[in-house]
Protein backbone atom coordinates (compact mmCIF):
# COMPACT_ATOMS: atom_id res chain seq x y z
CA MET A 1 4.45 -68.99 -37.39
CA ASN A 2 1.14 -69.29 -39.15
CA LYS A 3 0.24 -66.00 -40.84
CA LEU A 4 -3.39 -66.16 -39.67
CA PHE A 5 -2.30 -66.83 -36.08
CA ALA A 6 0.06 -63.83 -36.20
CA GLN A 7 -2.81 -61.56 -37.28
CA VAL A 8 -5.09 -62.76 -34.49
CA THR A 9 -2.51 -62.41 -31.73
CA ALA A 10 -1.01 -59.10 -32.83
CA PRO A 11 -1.62 -56.38 -30.26
CA ARG A 12 -4.44 -54.03 -31.13
CA THR A 13 -3.77 -50.35 -31.30
CA ARG A 14 -6.04 -48.44 -28.97
CA ARG A 15 -7.50 -45.04 -29.63
CA SER A 16 -7.52 -44.47 -25.92
CA ASP A 17 -5.91 -45.91 -22.84
CA ARG A 18 -9.15 -45.40 -20.86
CA SER A 19 -12.37 -47.35 -20.77
CA LEU A 20 -15.83 -47.08 -19.23
CA VAL A 21 -16.07 -49.90 -16.71
CA ARG A 22 -19.38 -50.97 -15.19
CA VAL A 23 -19.34 -51.43 -11.42
CA PHE A 24 -22.52 -52.68 -9.78
CA VAL A 25 -24.18 -53.67 -6.54
CA ARG A 26 -27.23 -55.91 -6.79
CA ASP A 27 -30.08 -56.45 -4.34
CA LEU A 28 -28.62 -54.83 -1.23
CA VAL A 29 -31.40 -55.22 1.36
CA LEU A 30 -31.33 -52.89 4.36
CA ASP A 31 -33.68 -51.70 7.08
CA ALA A 32 -34.33 -48.00 6.60
CA ARG A 33 -36.23 -45.28 8.36
CA ILE A 34 -38.15 -44.01 5.37
CA GLY A 35 -41.63 -42.76 4.52
CA VAL A 36 -43.91 -39.75 4.66
CA TYR A 37 -46.88 -41.30 6.44
CA ALA A 38 -47.35 -41.31 10.22
CA HIS A 39 -47.34 -45.11 10.36
CA GLU A 40 -43.90 -45.10 8.70
CA HIS A 41 -42.27 -42.89 11.32
CA GLY A 42 -40.50 -44.41 14.31
CA ARG A 43 -39.89 -47.75 12.63
CA THR A 44 -37.81 -49.26 9.85
CA GLN A 45 -38.86 -50.73 6.53
CA ARG A 46 -37.03 -53.17 4.30
CA ILE A 47 -35.63 -51.60 1.16
CA ARG A 48 -33.68 -53.06 -1.74
CA ILE A 49 -31.01 -50.99 -3.49
CA ASN A 50 -29.40 -51.60 -6.87
CA ILE A 51 -26.57 -49.43 -8.17
CA ASP A 52 -24.86 -49.30 -11.56
CA LEU A 53 -21.83 -47.08 -12.08
CA GLY A 54 -20.01 -46.20 -15.27
CA ALA A 55 -16.43 -45.44 -14.25
CA ASP A 56 -13.63 -44.04 -16.37
CA LEU A 57 -10.74 -46.36 -15.56
CA PRO A 58 -7.50 -47.44 -17.21
CA VAL A 59 -8.03 -50.22 -19.74
CA ARG A 60 -5.17 -52.17 -18.28
CA GLY A 61 -5.14 -51.85 -14.53
CA THR A 62 -2.32 -52.65 -12.20
CA ASP A 63 -4.42 -55.12 -10.18
CA ALA A 64 -4.46 -52.63 -7.33
CA LEU A 65 -7.59 -51.67 -5.42
CA ALA A 66 -6.67 -47.98 -5.66
CA ASP A 67 -6.99 -48.20 -9.46
CA VAL A 68 -10.67 -49.17 -9.43
CA VAL A 69 -13.97 -47.93 -8.03
CA SER A 70 -14.47 -50.27 -5.09
CA TYR A 71 -17.93 -51.74 -4.69
CA GLU A 72 -17.08 -52.20 -1.01
CA THR A 73 -16.69 -48.43 -0.70
CA VAL A 74 -20.01 -47.95 -2.49
CA VAL A 75 -21.83 -50.36 -0.14
CA THR A 76 -20.22 -48.80 2.94
CA GLY A 77 -21.37 -45.36 1.77
CA VAL A 78 -24.92 -46.57 1.19
CA ARG A 79 -25.06 -48.15 4.64
CA GLU A 80 -23.87 -44.87 6.19
CA ILE A 81 -26.51 -42.87 4.32
CA VAL A 82 -29.32 -45.24 5.32
CA ALA A 83 -28.17 -45.27 8.96
CA SER A 84 -27.93 -41.46 9.14
CA GLY A 85 -31.61 -40.88 9.88
CA HIS A 86 -35.16 -40.71 8.58
CA VAL A 87 -35.80 -39.82 4.93
CA ASN A 88 -39.29 -39.11 3.66
CA LEU A 89 -38.99 -40.19 0.03
CA VAL A 90 -37.26 -43.01 -1.84
CA GLU A 91 -36.41 -40.35 -4.43
CA THR A 92 -34.45 -38.41 -1.80
CA LEU A 93 -32.59 -41.52 -0.69
CA ALA A 94 -31.72 -42.36 -4.30
CA GLU A 95 -30.39 -38.81 -4.82
CA HIS A 96 -28.21 -39.04 -1.70
CA ILE A 97 -26.76 -42.35 -2.91
CA ALA A 98 -26.12 -40.98 -6.41
CA ASP A 99 -24.42 -37.90 -4.97
CA ARG A 100 -22.16 -40.07 -2.80
CA CYS A 101 -21.17 -42.21 -5.79
CA LEU A 102 -20.39 -39.15 -7.93
CA VAL A 103 -17.91 -37.86 -5.33
CA ASP A 104 -15.39 -40.23 -6.96
CA ARG A 105 -14.28 -38.19 -9.99
CA ARG A 106 -13.80 -41.39 -12.03
CA VAL A 107 -17.55 -42.14 -11.88
CA ARG A 108 -19.18 -40.75 -15.03
CA THR A 109 -22.70 -42.17 -14.65
CA VAL A 110 -24.74 -43.63 -11.82
CA ARG A 111 -28.09 -45.39 -11.82
CA VAL A 112 -29.74 -46.01 -8.46
CA ARG A 113 -32.90 -48.03 -7.81
CA VAL A 114 -34.51 -47.90 -4.37
CA GLU A 115 -37.46 -50.17 -3.67
CA LYS A 116 -39.66 -50.57 -0.60
CA LEU A 117 -40.29 -54.29 -0.26
CA ASP A 118 -43.31 -54.49 2.03
CA VAL A 119 -45.59 -51.67 0.85
CA PHE A 120 -48.23 -53.67 -0.99
CA PRO A 121 -49.13 -57.28 -0.18
CA ASP A 122 -49.75 -58.05 -3.85
CA ALA A 123 -46.55 -56.45 -5.23
CA ALA A 124 -42.92 -57.48 -4.79
CA SER A 125 -41.83 -53.85 -4.43
CA ALA A 126 -42.51 -50.22 -5.22
CA GLY A 127 -39.89 -47.58 -5.72
CA VAL A 128 -37.91 -45.36 -8.01
CA GLU A 129 -34.89 -45.48 -10.30
CA ILE A 130 -32.81 -42.43 -11.13
CA GLU A 131 -29.84 -41.89 -13.41
CA ARG A 132 -27.29 -39.11 -13.09
CA VAL A 133 -24.31 -38.06 -15.18
CA ALA A 134 -21.22 -36.35 -13.75
CA GLU A 135 -20.87 -32.70 -14.64
């Protein structure tokens, strides 16, 4: 065996058997009952949600869904939160989503962006982005 090849293919020693894995959901568009103004009550508005999670997971998984943070579970949770009723502020909605994501003890960080898509005719969106770290 070539000496150089043996060095390249030799297994690396790891300082840890855990790794921070990024899990994300991009551009989830939902109809939400959201807003503080009278004209926003009693109707829905289109919102776009982006979520980034930093999850502490095994470096070498077993290829089993139970070993990862499922983005399907994240999306299902977001849909439940949005469907649960009127929220005044995008900040509040973002906090509820972040709290739901942090229920999974493997999630170390969460970034949530909530945008209203039809607020201003001359802007693509307006909203907020928050970032939280697990305690």
